[in-house]
C-alpha cells in the first residue's frame, strides 16, 4: 500500500511538473507575442526626440467647416514652430505651401517633481487656423527649427448636408497593446470609409491625468490613428474622470481658465455639445447647456451631446448630472447622447422623462478603446430592447437626411449592433 502511495505521489508530482512547465511555456509564449506586437506598433511611431515634430493631432472644438487647431510635440523647446498648409500637396517643398503660420501657443507639458527622474520634459505647439474652406482637403507639414514632419492632411467638415460619418469611443486609458490595436482599427475604418471625418472621444485617455509620462504614451499611440496616406482624423475631446490636472488642456489647446465644455458644429446641420461630468452639472454649466441647445435646435438637423459619465449607465450608478442634463435633453429634443466610463457596450431604448418613449433620447457608449471590459447590467429597463455587451469597440455614426445609423464595430471589425434613429419631424 505504501509503495502504491509513493508511485501515485511521484506520478502526481510529475504530472503537475509537466502541467506547470506547459503553463509556463504558454505564458512565456503569450508574453513574447505581446512584446512582438507592441514592438511592431512602437516601430511605426515617431520617436519624441530632439526637435523632430511628433504626436501630431488635429482638434475640433468650434466650427469644423472653417476652423481647426493643428498641434504637435517636441522633446526640445526650440525657438520657432511653423505650420505649413495648403489645398495642394507640395510634399516636402515647404516654400511652395500657400500658408505659413507660427504657432500661437507653445509651452512645456506640466511635469510633476516625482516624474523628473523617470521622464524628460516635452513641449506642445498649437497652431489655430481659421477661414478654411468647407469640405476641403488641407495638406500640412509641421516644422520645428528647421526639422520637418512628413506630409499629412485632414478634411474640413462640409458647410451643408449630412452625407458623412464620425467615430465615437472612449476609455483608452489602460491596456496599451489593446489601445494600439484599437487605434489601428480606427485608421483602417477611415481608410475603408472615406466619409468618416471626425473622432468623438469621450474621455479617460490615461489612468492619471497629472502624469506627463502617461500622456506621453497616449499621444504617441494616437499617431496610429493616422491613415497610411497621411490622413489625420480630427478629434473632438471630452474630459474623463481620470483626466484631472492641467495636461488635458495643454494637449487639446484649451485655456487654463476655460471650462471643459464646448460646442463643435459640423456644418449647419449637425452639432456636438460636449459637457463635463467631473464638475457640477448645475449653475454655470446647466445655464450654458440650455442656452446652447436653445440656439442650436431650430436649425440643427442632428443634435448630439457627449460627456464621460453615463446618465443611464449599464454598469455604475447614475451621477447627479442625470437630473440636471436629461430634462434639458428632453426639452430641446437631443437626438443622441454619447457616453463612456462604464467599459462596456451600450445602446438604450429612446428615453423621455425617465420613461420609454419613441420620441426620446437614445444613449450610447460606454467606452471600449483599450480599457478592460465589464459585464453590463442588462436587466435595466432602459436596456431592454437596446443592445449590451462587453468587447473592445468603436461606434460609427452615419448621418443622412432621413436617419442616423449607429454601428458598433468590434476589434475584428465585425458589427455587433446596427441601429437607426429616424429624423425628427
Protein backbone atom coordinates (compact mmCIF):
# COMPACT_ATOMS: atom_id res chain seq x y z
CA UNK A 1 0.00 0.00 0.00
CA UNK A 2 2.82 2.36 0.93
CA UNK A 3 4.66 1.59 -2.36
CA UNK A 4 1.47 2.32 -4.29
CA UNK A 5 1.10 5.61 -2.46
CA UNK A 6 4.69 6.53 -3.37
CA UNK A 7 4.12 5.66 -7.01
CA UNK A 8 0.95 7.75 -7.13
CA UNK A 9 2.72 10.63 -5.40
CA UNK A 10 5.60 10.53 -7.90
CA UNK A 11 3.18 10.38 -10.81
CA UNK A 12 1.19 13.32 -9.39
CA UNK A 13 4.32 15.42 -8.92
CA UNK A 14 5.48 14.54 -12.42
CA UNK A 15 2.08 15.44 -13.86
CA UNK A 16 1.97 18.77 -12.02
CA UNK A 17 5.53 19.48 -13.09
CA UNK A 18 4.68 18.82 -16.73
CA UNK A 19 1.49 20.89 -16.48
CA UNK A 20 3.40 23.68 -14.76
CA UNK A 21 6.01 23.58 -17.48
CA UNK A 22 3.34 23.68 -20.20
CA UNK A 23 1.57 26.57 -18.46
CA UNK A 24 4.87 28.42 -18.05
CA UNK A 25 5.74 27.85 -21.71
CA UNK A 26 2.32 29.13 -22.78
CA UNK A 27 2.68 32.16 -20.53
CA UNK A 28 6.14 32.93 -21.90
CA UNK A 29 4.91 32.45 -25.45
CA UNK A 30 1.96 34.78 -24.85
CA UNK A 31 4.29 37.38 -23.33
CA UNK A 32 6.63 37.03 -26.30
CA UNK A 33 3.70 37.54 -28.70
CA UNK A 34 2.57 40.67 -26.81
CA UNK A 35 6.11 42.07 -26.85
CA UNK A 36 6.43 41.37 -30.58
CA UNK A 37 3.11 43.05 -31.36
CA UNK A 38 3.95 46.05 -29.18
CA UNK A 39 7.36 46.36 -30.84
CA UNK A 40 5.68 46.44 -34.26
CA UNK A 41 3.45 49.32 -33.16
CA UNK A 42 6.29 51.22 -31.49
CA UNK A 43 8.49 50.88 -34.58
CA UNK A 44 5.86 52.80 -36.60
CA UNK A 45 5.60 55.66 -34.07
CA UNK A 46 7.74 58.80 -34.39
CA UNK A 47 10.28 58.97 -31.52
CA UNK A 48 9.80 62.00 -29.30
CA UNK A 49 13.38 63.15 -29.67
CA UNK A 50 15.09 66.50 -30.18
CA UNK A 51 13.12 68.88 -32.39
CA UNK A 52 11.52 66.27 -34.63
CA UNK A 53 7.76 67.03 -34.75
CA UNK A 54 5.81 64.13 -33.20
CA UNK A 55 2.46 63.33 -31.57
CA UNK A 56 0.52 65.34 -34.17
CA UNK A 57 -3.19 65.89 -33.77
CA UNK A 58 -5.99 67.94 -35.30
CA UNK A 59 -8.55 69.30 -32.82
CA UNK A 60 -12.12 70.46 -33.42
CA UNK A 61 -13.82 72.49 -30.67
CA UNK A 62 -15.62 75.10 -32.78
CA UNK A 63 -16.79 75.45 -36.38
CA UNK A 64 -15.36 72.34 -38.05
CA UNK A 65 -16.12 73.72 -41.52
CA UNK A 66 -13.77 76.69 -41.22
CA UNK A 67 -11.57 76.17 -38.12
CA UNK A 68 -9.10 73.68 -36.67
CA UNK A 69 -6.17 73.52 -34.30
CA UNK A 70 -3.17 71.55 -35.53
CA UNK A 71 -0.82 70.56 -32.73
CA UNK A 72 2.37 68.59 -32.19
CA UNK A 73 5.03 67.89 -29.59
CA UNK A 74 8.82 68.09 -29.47
CA UNK A 75 11.28 66.81 -26.89
CA UNK A 76 13.29 70.05 -27.01
CA UNK A 77 11.84 73.52 -26.56
CA UNK A 78 13.02 75.06 -29.82
CA UNK A 79 12.59 78.65 -30.93
CA UNK A 80 10.31 78.68 -33.98
CA UNK A 81 7.45 76.31 -34.72
CA UNK A 82 5.64 76.74 -38.02
CA UNK A 83 2.64 75.11 -39.66
CA UNK A 84 2.75 74.99 -43.46
CA UNK A 85 -0.58 74.19 -45.13
CA UNK A 86 -2.27 74.32 -48.49
CA UNK A 87 -5.01 72.74 -50.58
CA UNK A 88 -2.26 71.27 -52.76
CA UNK A 89 0.20 68.63 -51.62
CA UNK A 90 3.72 70.01 -52.17
CA UNK A 91 5.26 67.06 -50.30
CA UNK A 92 8.41 68.40 -48.55
CA UNK A 93 8.75 71.62 -50.56
CA UNK A 94 7.58 73.86 -47.73
CA UNK A 95 8.19 77.15 -49.59
CA UNK A 96 5.51 76.17 -52.10
CA UNK A 97 2.82 75.87 -49.44
CA UNK A 98 0.43 78.81 -49.60
CA UNK A 99 0.08 79.36 -45.85
CA UNK A 100 2.82 79.56 -43.21
CA UNK A 101 1.70 80.12 -39.62
CA UNK A 102 3.80 80.34 -36.49
CA UNK A 103 2.21 78.55 -33.54
CA UNK A 104 0.28 80.97 -31.35
CA UNK A 105 0.89 78.87 -28.26
CA UNK A 106 3.96 76.93 -27.14
CA UNK A 107 4.82 75.58 -23.72
CA UNK A 108 6.13 72.75 -21.62
CA UNK A 109 3.81 69.95 -20.61
CA UNK A 110 3.38 70.02 -16.84
CA UNK A 111 5.87 67.66 -15.22
CA UNK A 112 5.49 66.60 -11.59
CA UNK A 113 8.57 66.66 -9.39
CA UNK A 114 8.24 62.93 -8.74
CA UNK A 115 8.48 62.32 -12.53
CA UNK A 116 11.69 64.24 -13.20
CA UNK A 117 13.95 61.24 -12.55
CA UNK A 118 11.92 58.93 -14.79
CA UNK A 119 10.82 61.03 -17.75
CA UNK A 120 12.20 64.00 -19.66
CA UNK A 121 10.17 67.15 -20.28
CA UNK A 122 8.47 67.79 -23.61
CA UNK A 123 6.81 70.75 -25.30
CA UNK A 124 3.49 71.39 -27.01
CA UNK A 125 2.86 73.60 -30.04
CA UNK A 126 -0.59 74.77 -31.17
CA UNK A 127 -1.47 76.46 -34.46
CA UNK A 128 -5.11 77.55 -34.60
CA UNK A 129 -6.24 78.23 -38.15
CA UNK A 130 -9.41 79.94 -39.38
CA UNK A 131 -11.04 80.95 -42.67
CA UNK A 132 -10.70 77.44 -44.08
CA UNK A 133 -12.88 76.26 -46.95
CA UNK A 134 -15.59 73.72 -46.05
CA UNK A 135 -15.34 70.15 -47.30
CA UNK A 136 -11.76 70.68 -48.39
CA UNK A 137 -8.64 68.57 -48.11
CA UNK A 138 -5.82 70.51 -46.42
CA UNK A 139 -2.27 69.21 -46.63
CA UNK A 140 0.16 70.26 -43.93
CA UNK A 141 3.72 69.89 -42.71
CA UNK A 142 4.97 70.65 -39.20
CA UNK A 143 8.27 72.47 -38.73
CA UNK A 144 10.27 73.00 -35.54
CA UNK A 145 13.51 74.95 -36.03
CA UNK A 146 14.02 73.51 -39.48
CA UNK A 147 13.05 69.93 -38.57
CA UNK A 148 10.14 68.80 -40.74
CA UNK A 149 7.44 66.20 -40.28
CA UNK A 150 6.23 64.06 -43.13
CA UNK A 151 3.22 65.46 -45.05
CA UNK A 152 -0.26 64.98 -43.58
CA UNK A 153 -3.76 66.09 -44.45
CA UNK A 154 -7.22 66.42 -42.94
CA UNK A 155 -10.62 67.25 -44.41
CA UNK A 156 -12.79 70.09 -43.15
CA UNK A 157 -16.47 69.47 -42.48
CA UNK A 158 -18.98 70.32 -45.21
CA UNK A 159 -20.93 73.54 -44.85
CA UNK A 160 -24.21 71.93 -45.85
CA UNK A 161 -25.58 68.40 -45.94
CA UNK A 162 -25.28 65.33 -43.76
CA UNK A 163 -23.61 62.78 -46.00
CA UNK A 164 -20.70 61.87 -43.70
CA UNK A 165 -19.80 59.80 -40.63
CA UNK A 166 -17.95 60.21 -37.34
CA UNK A 167 -16.44 57.72 -34.90
CA UNK A 168 -17.33 57.71 -31.22
CA UNK A 169 -15.38 55.94 -28.46
CA UNK A 170 -13.83 56.39 -25.05
CA UNK A 171 -11.69 54.89 -22.29
CA UNK A 172 -8.30 54.26 -23.86
CA UNK A 173 -6.53 54.69 -20.54
CA UNK A 174 -5.13 51.19 -19.93
CA UNK A 175 -4.25 48.09 -21.87
CA UNK A 176 -1.60 49.72 -24.05
CA UNK A 177 -1.43 46.94 -26.62
CA UNK A 178 -5.21 46.90 -26.94
CA UNK A 179 -5.22 50.70 -27.21
CA UNK A 180 -2.74 50.49 -30.08
CA UNK A 181 -4.83 47.81 -31.78
CA UNK A 182 -7.98 49.91 -31.48
CA UNK A 183 -6.15 52.96 -32.85
CA UNK A 184 -5.12 50.88 -35.82
CA UNK A 185 -8.76 49.73 -36.22
CA UNK A 186 -9.78 53.39 -36.36
CA UNK A 187 -7.27 54.16 -39.12
CA UNK A 188 -8.42 51.11 -41.08
CA UNK A 189 -12.08 52.13 -40.73
CA UNK A 190 -11.25 55.60 -42.06
CA UNK A 191 -9.26 54.12 -44.94
CA UNK A 192 -12.19 51.89 -45.91
CA UNK A 193 -14.86 54.56 -45.34
CA UNK A 194 -13.80 57.94 -46.71
CA UNK A 195 -16.97 59.53 -45.30
CA UNK A 196 -15.63 59.37 -41.72
CA UNK A 197 -14.40 62.88 -40.90
CA UNK A 198 -14.02 63.09 -37.08
CA UNK A 199 -13.37 61.17 -33.87
CA UNK A 200 -15.53 61.98 -30.82
CA UNK A 201 -13.50 60.85 -27.78
CA UNK A 202 -15.48 60.54 -24.54
CA UNK A 203 -12.52 60.81 -22.17
CA UNK A 204 -10.31 58.72 -19.88
CA UNK A 205 -7.33 58.85 -22.18
CA UNK A 206 -4.95 57.77 -19.41
CA UNK A 207 -5.04 56.39 -15.84
CA UNK A 208 -3.94 59.54 -14.01
CA UNK A 209 -4.15 62.85 -15.82
CA UNK A 210 -1.50 64.55 -13.71
CA UNK A 211 1.32 62.40 -15.07
CA UNK A 212 3.02 63.50 -18.27
CA UNK A 213 4.57 60.04 -18.57
CA UNK A 214 1.12 58.59 -19.23
CA UNK A 215 0.01 61.36 -21.61
CA UNK A 216 3.28 60.97 -23.48
CA UNK A 217 2.41 57.34 -24.25
CA UNK A 218 -1.17 58.16 -25.21
CA UNK A 219 -0.11 60.92 -27.60
CA UNK A 220 2.44 58.68 -29.28
CA UNK A 221 -0.06 55.83 -29.55
CA UNK A 222 -2.59 58.28 -31.02
CA UNK A 223 -0.33 58.57 -34.07
CA UNK A 224 -1.57 55.09 -35.02
CA UNK A 225 -4.98 56.54 -35.93
CA UNK A 226 -3.24 58.27 -38.87
CA UNK A 227 -4.00 56.61 -42.19
CA UNK A 228 -1.28 55.17 -44.41
CA UNK A 229 -1.68 58.07 -46.85
CA UNK A 230 -1.17 60.66 -44.09
CA UNK A 231 -4.79 61.45 -43.33
CA UNK A 232 -5.29 62.69 -39.75
CA UNK A 233 -8.74 62.31 -38.17
CA UNK A 234 -9.73 65.42 -36.16
CA UNK A 235 -10.56 64.68 -32.54
CA UNK A 236 -13.45 66.25 -30.57
CA UNK A 237 -12.33 65.82 -26.94
CA UNK A 238 -14.18 65.44 -23.64
CA UNK A 239 -12.58 65.20 -20.21
CA UNK A 240 -12.94 61.93 -18.27
CA UNK A 241 -12.72 61.35 -14.53
CA UNK A 242 -9.16 60.01 -14.92
CA UNK A 243 -8.04 63.10 -16.85
CA UNK A 244 -7.65 65.52 -13.94
CA UNK A 245 -4.84 68.04 -13.90
CA UNK A 246 -3.58 70.67 -16.34
CA UNK A 247 -2.18 68.42 -19.08
CA UNK A 248 -5.60 67.72 -20.66
CA UNK A 249 -5.89 71.41 -21.54
CA UNK A 250 -2.27 71.52 -22.70
CA UNK A 251 -2.88 68.57 -25.04
CA UNK A 252 -6.11 69.92 -26.56
CA UNK A 253 -5.34 73.67 -26.58
CA UNK A 254 -7.92 74.72 -24.02
CA UNK A 255 -7.22 77.85 -21.99
CA UNK A 256 -6.48 77.13 -18.29
CA UNK A 257 -9.41 79.30 -17.15
CA UNK A 258 -11.82 77.98 -19.79
CA UNK A 259 -14.36 75.32 -18.72
CA UNK A 260 -14.24 71.89 -20.34
CA UNK A 261 -17.48 72.27 -22.23
CA UNK A 262 -17.76 73.41 -25.81
CA UNK A 263 -19.79 73.01 -28.99
CA UNK A 264 -18.44 71.62 -32.25
CA UNK A 265 -20.61 72.35 -35.26
CA UNK A 266 -20.10 70.01 -38.20
CA UNK A 267 -21.64 72.14 -40.89
CA UNK A 268 -25.01 73.79 -40.42
CA UNK A 269 -26.97 70.65 -39.68
CA UNK A 270 -25.01 68.71 -37.05
CA UNK A 271 -23.74 69.84 -33.65
CA UNK A 272 -21.88 68.01 -30.88
CA UNK A 273 -22.30 69.65 -27.47
CA UNK A 274 -19.51 68.47 -25.15
CA UNK A 275 -20.16 68.56 -21.39
CA UNK A 276 -18.06 67.95 -18.27
CA UNK A 277 -19.33 65.38 -15.78
CA UNK A 278 -16.34 65.96 -13.48
CA UNK A 279 -17.78 69.22 -12.13
CA UNK A 280 -21.24 70.29 -11.07
CA UNK A 281 -23.89 69.94 -13.74
CA UNK A 282 -25.82 72.86 -12.30
CA UNK A 283 -25.01 76.55 -12.18
CA UNK A 284 -22.80 77.82 -14.98
CA UNK A 285 -22.76 74.53 -16.89
CA UNK A 286 -26.53 73.99 -16.99
CA UNK A 287 -27.08 77.63 -17.92
CA UNK A 288 -24.60 77.33 -20.77
CA UNK A 289 -26.12 73.99 -21.85
CA UNK A 290 -29.65 75.37 -22.06
CA UNK A 291 -28.50 78.43 -24.00
CA UNK A 292 -26.58 76.23 -26.47
CA UNK A 293 -29.40 73.73 -27.01
CA UNK A 294 -31.89 76.57 -27.48
CA UNK A 295 -29.58 78.23 -30.01
CA UNK A 296 -28.83 75.04 -31.94
CA UNK A 297 -32.12 73.14 -32.05
CA UNK A 298 -34.07 75.22 -34.58
CA UNK A 299 -31.52 74.97 -37.38
CA UNK A 300 -29.70 71.74 -36.40
CA UNK A 301 -30.91 68.55 -38.04
CA UNK A 302 -28.92 66.22 -35.74
CA UNK A 303 -28.21 67.43 -32.20
CA UNK A 304 -25.75 65.32 -30.17
CA UNK A 305 -24.27 65.61 -26.72
CA UNK A 306 -21.13 63.94 -25.41
CA UNK A 307 -19.59 63.64 -21.95
CA UNK A 308 -17.88 60.98 -19.85
CA UNK A 309 -20.09 59.58 -17.06
CA UNK A 310 -23.25 57.89 -18.38
CA UNK A 311 -26.62 59.31 -17.36
CA UNK A 312 -28.33 55.96 -17.99
CA UNK A 313 -25.46 53.64 -17.03
CA UNK A 314 -25.07 49.98 -17.86
CA UNK A 315 -22.56 49.26 -15.08
CA UNK A 316 -22.29 52.04 -12.49
CA UNK A 317 -24.78 54.27 -10.67
CA UNK A 318 -26.19 57.34 -12.38
CA UNK A 319 -24.46 60.63 -11.45
CA UNK A 320 -26.23 63.71 -10.11
CA UNK A 321 -25.92 65.22 -13.58
CA UNK A 322 -28.77 62.98 -14.77
CA UNK A 323 -31.41 65.08 -13.02
CA UNK A 324 -29.94 68.27 -14.47
CA UNK A 325 -28.94 67.34 -18.02
CA UNK A 326 -31.72 64.93 -19.01
CA UNK A 327 -34.64 67.37 -18.63
CA UNK A 328 -32.76 69.78 -20.91
CA UNK A 329 -32.03 67.00 -23.40
CA UNK A 330 -35.77 66.23 -23.42
CA UNK A 331 -36.83 69.88 -23.65
CA UNK A 332 -34.73 70.55 -26.72
CA UNK A 333 -35.09 67.12 -28.32
CA UNK A 334 -31.48 65.98 -28.32
CA UNK A 335 -31.18 63.06 -30.74
CA UNK A 336 -28.22 61.14 -29.35
CA UNK A 337 -26.12 61.22 -26.17
CA UNK A 338 -22.59 59.75 -26.42
CA UNK A 339 -21.16 58.39 -23.16
CA UNK A 340 -18.16 56.46 -21.81
CA UNK A 341 -16.83 55.40 -18.36
CA UNK A 342 -18.63 52.05 -17.93
CA UNK A 343 -16.21 49.94 -20.02
CA UNK A 344 -18.86 48.09 -21.98
CA UNK A 345 -21.14 48.32 -25.00
CA UNK A 346 -24.49 50.03 -24.54
CA UNK A 347 -27.36 51.39 -26.58
CA UNK A 348 -30.53 52.32 -24.72
CA UNK A 349 -34.06 52.49 -26.00
CA UNK A 350 -35.33 56.08 -26.57
CA UNK A 351 -35.99 57.76 -23.20
CA UNK A 352 -38.00 60.82 -22.26
CA UNK A 353 -38.77 61.99 -18.71
CA UNK A 354 -37.24 58.83 -17.30
CA UNK A 355 -39.51 56.50 -19.27
CA UNK A 356 -39.52 54.59 -22.54
CA UNK A 357 -40.73 56.92 -25.27
CA UNK A 358 -40.21 56.63 -29.05
CA UNK A 359 -39.69 60.42 -29.19
CA UNK A 360 -36.96 60.32 -26.55
CA UNK A 361 -33.16 60.44 -26.49
CA UNK A 362 -31.01 57.41 -27.26
CA UNK A 363 -27.91 56.98 -25.06
CA UNK A 364 -24.88 55.09 -26.38
CA UNK A 365 -21.39 54.22 -25.07
CA UNK A 366 -19.71 53.21 -22.71
CA UNK A 367 -16.06 53.07 -23.77
CA UNK A 368 -14.01 50.29 -25.35
CA UNK A 369 -10.81 51.84 -26.77
CA UNK A 370 -8.41 49.75 -24.72
CA UNK A 371 -9.59 49.54 -21.13
CA UNK A 372 -10.68 46.15 -19.73
CA UNK A 373 -14.36 45.49 -20.35
CA UNK A 374 -17.05 44.92 -17.71
CA UNK A 375 -20.25 42.91 -17.94
CA UNK A 376 -23.21 45.31 -18.19
CA UNK A 377 -26.38 45.01 -16.11
CA UNK A 378 -28.63 44.01 -18.95
CA UNK A 379 -31.74 43.80 -16.73
CA UNK A 380 -32.06 47.63 -16.58
CA UNK A 381 -35.39 48.61 -18.13
CA UNK A 382 -33.79 51.09 -20.49
CA UNK A 383 -31.55 48.38 -21.94
CA UNK A 384 -34.44 46.04 -22.71
CA UNK A 385 -34.81 46.30 -26.46
CA UNK A 386 -31.47 48.09 -26.74
CA UNK A 387 -28.03 46.50 -27.01
CA UNK A 388 -25.40 45.49 -24.43
CA UNK A 389 -22.07 43.68 -24.50
CA UNK A 390 -18.50 43.80 -23.27
CA UNK A 391 -15.92 43.78 -26.04
CA UNK A 392 -13.47 46.41 -27.25
CA UNK A 393 -15.21 48.56 -29.82
CA UNK A 394 -15.85 51.87 -31.52
CA UNK A 395 -19.15 53.24 -32.75
CA UNK A 396 -19.56 54.64 -36.25
CA UNK A 397 -22.30 57.24 -36.69
CA UNK A 398 -23.54 57.55 -40.28
CA UNK A 399 -25.61 60.70 -40.83
CA UNK A 400 -28.19 61.29 -43.53
CA UNK A 401 -31.23 63.49 -44.13
CA UNK A 402 -33.63 60.75 -43.06
CA UNK A 403 -31.90 58.78 -40.30
CA UNK A 404 -28.81 58.33 -38.16
CA UNK A 405 -27.24 54.89 -38.36
CA UNK A 406 -25.28 53.69 -35.30
CA UNK A 407 -22.94 50.74 -35.85
CA UNK A 408 -20.89 49.19 -33.06
CA UNK A 409 -17.68 47.81 -34.57
CA UNK A 410 -15.56 45.28 -32.65
CA UNK A 411 -11.78 44.88 -32.77
CA UNK A 412 -12.07 42.25 -35.52
CA UNK A 413 -14.25 44.81 -37.39
CA UNK A 414 -17.36 42.66 -37.07
CA UNK A 415 -20.60 44.60 -36.50
CA UNK A 416 -22.00 43.94 -33.01
CA UNK A 417 -25.03 46.21 -33.30
CA UNK A 418 -26.62 48.08 -36.22
CA UNK A 419 -29.39 50.53 -35.37
CA UNK A 420 -31.09 53.53 -36.98
CA UNK A 421 -32.71 56.59 -35.46
CA UNK A 422 -35.25 58.37 -37.66
CA UNK A 423 -35.06 62.11 -38.18
CA UNK A 424 -37.45 64.13 -36.00
CA UNK A 425 -40.40 65.83 -37.71
